[in-house]
Amino acid sequence: MSVTFHLREQEATIQIHGHFNFSQHGAFRDACKAVLAHPHIKSLEINLMEVDHLDSSALGMLLVLRDQVADHHIQRLLISNTKPVVRQIFAIAKFDKFFEID
């Protein structure tokens, strides 16, 4: 279980590995902080390709990030590569109203 991030010009990607739950809080917060420290970032992707499960704390972390992104004038926040079980959790939580989900 880990969280990594990559920066490319005006785009950033945060990749979550393993279960996305409270145990990832510190690593996720640190990755977000590092990405948001770059003022030229215009697009942020949260890649969930390697996430098989997430819980309510992960949903909360994503909502906090959404507020932080707005404060930093990032134009696009995308949650990508969701597996069916994760997509179902997002549907139940109505996250499609708050995020662009691919």
C-alpha atoms as a PDB file:
ATOM      1  CA  MET A   1       0.000   0.000   0.000  1.00  0.00           C
ATOM      2  CA  SER A   2       1.441   3.311  -1.079  1.00  0.00           C
ATOM      3  CA  VAL A   3       0.723   6.621  -2.704  1.00  0.00           C
ATOM      4  CA  THR A   4       2.940   8.074  -5.426  1.00  0.00           C
ATOM      5  CA  PHE A   5       2.727  11.226  -7.506  1.00  0.00           C
ATOM      6  CA  HIS A   6       4.136  12.449 -10.798  1.00  0.00           C
ATOM      7  CA  LEU A   7       4.382  15.954 -12.219  1.00  0.00           C
ATOM      8  CA  ARG A   8       4.437  16.739 -15.960  1.00  0.00           C
ATOM      9  CA  GLU A   9       4.419  20.391 -16.967  1.00  0.00           C
ATOM     10  CA  GLN A  10       0.902  21.560 -15.981  1.00  0.00           C
ATOM     11  CA  GLU A  11      -0.422  18.096 -15.085  1.00  0.00           C
ATOM     12  CA  ALA A  12      -0.068  15.989 -11.975  1.00  0.00           C
ATOM     13  CA  THR A  13      -1.094  12.429 -11.178  1.00  0.00           C
ATOM     14  CA  ILE A  14      -1.527  10.870  -7.763  1.00  0.00           C
ATOM     15  CA  GLN A  15      -1.557   7.072  -7.901  1.00  0.00           C
ATOM     16  CA  ILE A  16      -3.050   5.048  -5.051  1.00  0.00           C
ATOM     17  CA  HIS A  17      -1.842   1.472  -4.580  1.00  0.00           C
ATOM     18  CA  GLY A  18      -3.770  -1.110  -2.535  1.00  0.00           C
ATOM     19  CA  HIS A  19      -6.688  -0.393  -0.230  1.00  0.00           C
ATOM     20  CA  PHE A  20      -7.590   3.284  -0.089  1.00  0.00           C
ATOM     21  CA  ASN A  21      -8.540   3.765   3.548  1.00  0.00           C
ATOM     22  CA  PHE A  22      -7.446   5.673   6.642  1.00  0.00           C
ATOM     23  CA  SER A  23      -4.071   3.903   6.689  1.00  0.00           C
ATOM     24  CA  GLN A  24      -3.265   5.846   3.479  1.00  0.00           C
ATOM     25  CA  HIS A  25      -4.217   9.208   5.013  1.00  0.00           C
ATOM     26  CA  GLY A  26      -0.697  10.466   5.747  1.00  0.00           C
ATOM     27  CA  ALA A  27       0.749   9.366   2.406  1.00  0.00           C
ATOM     28  CA  PHE A  28      -2.220  10.781   0.478  1.00  0.00           C
ATOM     29  CA  ARG A  29      -2.055  14.090   2.366  1.00  0.00           C
ATOM     30  CA  ASP A  30       1.693  14.357   1.698  1.00  0.00           C
ATOM     31  CA  ALA A  31       1.249  13.644  -2.027  1.00  0.00           C
ATOM     32  CA  CYS A  32      -1.539  16.225  -2.276  1.00  0.00           C
ATOM     33  CA  LYS A  33       0.537  18.792  -0.424  1.00  0.00           C
ATOM     34  CA  ALA A  34       3.504  18.206  -2.747  1.00  0.00           C
ATOM     35  CA  VAL A  35       1.357  18.520  -5.880  1.00  0.00           C
ATOM     36  CA  LEU A  36      -0.480  21.618  -4.656  1.00  0.00           C
ATOM     37  CA  ALA A  37       2.838  23.296  -3.863  1.00  0.00           C
ATOM     38  CA  HIS A  38       3.441  23.634  -7.629  1.00  0.00           C
ATOM     39  CA  PRO A  39       1.549  26.751  -8.756  1.00  0.00           C
ATOM     40  CA  HIS A  40       1.678  25.839 -12.462  1.00  0.00           C
ATOM     41  CA  ILE A  41      -0.470  22.682 -12.099  1.00  0.00           C
ATOM     42  CA  LYS A  42      -3.766  23.050 -13.997  1.00  0.00           C
ATOM     43  CA  SER A  43      -4.931  19.410 -14.050  1.00  0.00           C
ATOM     44  CA  LEU A  44      -4.840  16.754 -11.322  1.00  0.00           C
ATOM     45  CA  GLU A  45      -5.635  13.098 -11.916  1.00  0.00           C
ATOM     46  CA  ILE A  46      -6.275  10.648  -9.083  1.00  0.00           C
ATOM     47  CA  ASN A  47      -5.451   7.274 -10.635  1.00  0.00           C
ATOM     48  CA  LEU A  48      -7.223   4.386  -8.885  1.00  0.00           C
ATOM     49  CA  MET A  49      -6.092   1.631 -11.271  1.00  0.00           C
ATOM     50  CA  GLU A  50      -4.574  -0.377  -8.417  1.00  0.00           C
ATOM     51  CA  VAL A  51      -7.342   0.238  -5.856  1.00  0.00           C
ATOM     52  CA  ASP A  52      -9.631  -2.705  -5.116  1.00  0.00           C
ATOM     53  CA  HIS A  53     -11.445  -1.152  -2.184  1.00  0.00           C
ATOM     54  CA  LEU A  54     -12.025   2.221  -0.581  1.00  0.00           C
ATOM     55  CA  ASP A  55     -13.880   3.229   2.539  1.00  0.00           C
ATOM     56  CA  SER A  56     -15.605   6.316   3.887  1.00  0.00           C
ATOM     57  CA  SER A  57     -12.337   7.870   5.038  1.00  0.00           C
ATOM     58  CA  ALA A  58     -11.069   7.702   1.435  1.00  0.00           C
ATOM     59  CA  LEU A  59     -14.243   9.451   0.279  1.00  0.00           C
ATOM     60  CA  GLY A  60     -13.601  12.133   2.884  1.00  0.00           C
ATOM     61  CA  MET A  61     -10.000  12.568   1.750  1.00  0.00           C
ATOM     62  CA  LEU A  62     -11.174  13.059  -1.828  1.00  0.00           C
ATOM     63  CA  LEU A  63     -13.709  15.691  -0.749  1.00  0.00           C
ATOM     64  CA  VAL A  64     -11.040  17.578   1.194  1.00  0.00           C
ATOM     65  CA  LEU A  65      -8.795  17.444  -1.870  1.00  0.00           C
ATOM     66  CA  ARG A  66     -11.610  18.823  -4.026  1.00  0.00           C
ATOM     67  CA  ASP A  67     -11.845  21.870  -1.766  1.00  0.00           C
ATOM     68  CA  GLN A  68      -8.059  22.329  -1.796  1.00  0.00           C
ATOM     69  CA  VAL A  69      -7.937  22.088  -5.589  1.00  0.00           C
ATOM     70  CA  ALA A  70     -10.507  24.875  -5.886  1.00  0.00           C
ATOM     71  CA  ASP A  71      -8.393  27.061  -3.589  1.00  0.00           C
ATOM     72  CA  HIS A  72      -5.349  26.501  -5.849  1.00  0.00           C
ATOM     73  CA  HIS A  73      -7.205  27.332  -9.088  1.00  0.00           C
ATOM     74  CA  ILE A  74      -6.641  23.899 -10.604  1.00  0.00           C
ATOM     75  CA  GLN A  75      -9.031  23.670 -13.538  1.00  0.00           C
ATOM     76  CA  ARG A  76      -9.536  19.900 -13.739  1.00  0.00           C
ATOM     77  CA  LEU A  77      -9.772  17.164 -11.110  1.00  0.00           C
ATOM     78  CA  LEU A  78     -10.221  13.693 -12.579  1.00  0.00           C
ATOM     79  CA  ILE A  79     -10.623  10.351 -10.837  1.00  0.00           C
ATOM     80  CA  SER A  80      -9.484   7.751 -13.342  1.00  0.00           C
ATOM     81  CA  ASN A  81      -9.223   4.012 -13.930  1.00  0.00           C
ATOM     82  CA  THR A  82     -11.833   2.969 -11.388  1.00  0.00           C
ATOM     83  CA  LYS A  83     -12.637  -0.722 -11.093  1.00  0.00           C
ATOM     84  CA  PRO A  84     -16.329  -1.721 -11.065  1.00  0.00           C
ATOM     85  CA  VAL A  85     -16.459  -2.177  -7.279  1.00  0.00           C
ATOM     86  CA  VAL A  86     -14.945   1.281  -6.729  1.00  0.00           C
ATOM     87  CA  ARG A  87     -17.224   2.829  -9.347  1.00  0.00           C
ATOM     88  CA  GLN A  88     -20.205   1.315  -7.508  1.00  0.00           C
ATOM     89  CA  ILE A  89     -19.109   2.929  -4.225  1.00  0.00           C
ATOM     90  CA  PHE A  90     -18.794   6.279  -6.024  1.00  0.00           C
ATOM     91  CA  ALA A  91     -22.276   5.830  -7.504  1.00  0.00           C
ATOM     92  CA  ILE A  92     -23.805   5.095  -4.089  1.00  0.00           C
ATOM     93  CA  ALA A  93     -22.034   8.159  -2.632  1.00  0.00           C
ATOM     94  CA  LYS A  94     -23.158  10.261  -5.638  1.00  0.00           C
ATOM     95  CA  PHE A  95     -19.561  11.311  -6.295  1.00  0.00           C
ATOM     96  CA  ASP A  96     -20.343  11.844  -9.972  1.00  0.00           C
ATOM     97  CA  LYS A  97     -21.952  15.132  -8.850  1.00  0.00           C
ATOM     98  CA  PHE A  98     -18.668  16.321  -7.350  1.00  0.00           C
ATOM     99  CA  PHE A  99     -15.977  14.759  -9.546  1.00  0.00           C
ATOM    100  CA  GLU A 100     -15.192  13.891 -13.114  1.00  0.00           C
ATOM    101  CA  ILE A 101     -14.878  10.101 -12.974  1.00  0.00           C
ATOM    102  CA  ASP A 102     -13.376   8.096 -15.819  1.00  0.00           C
END
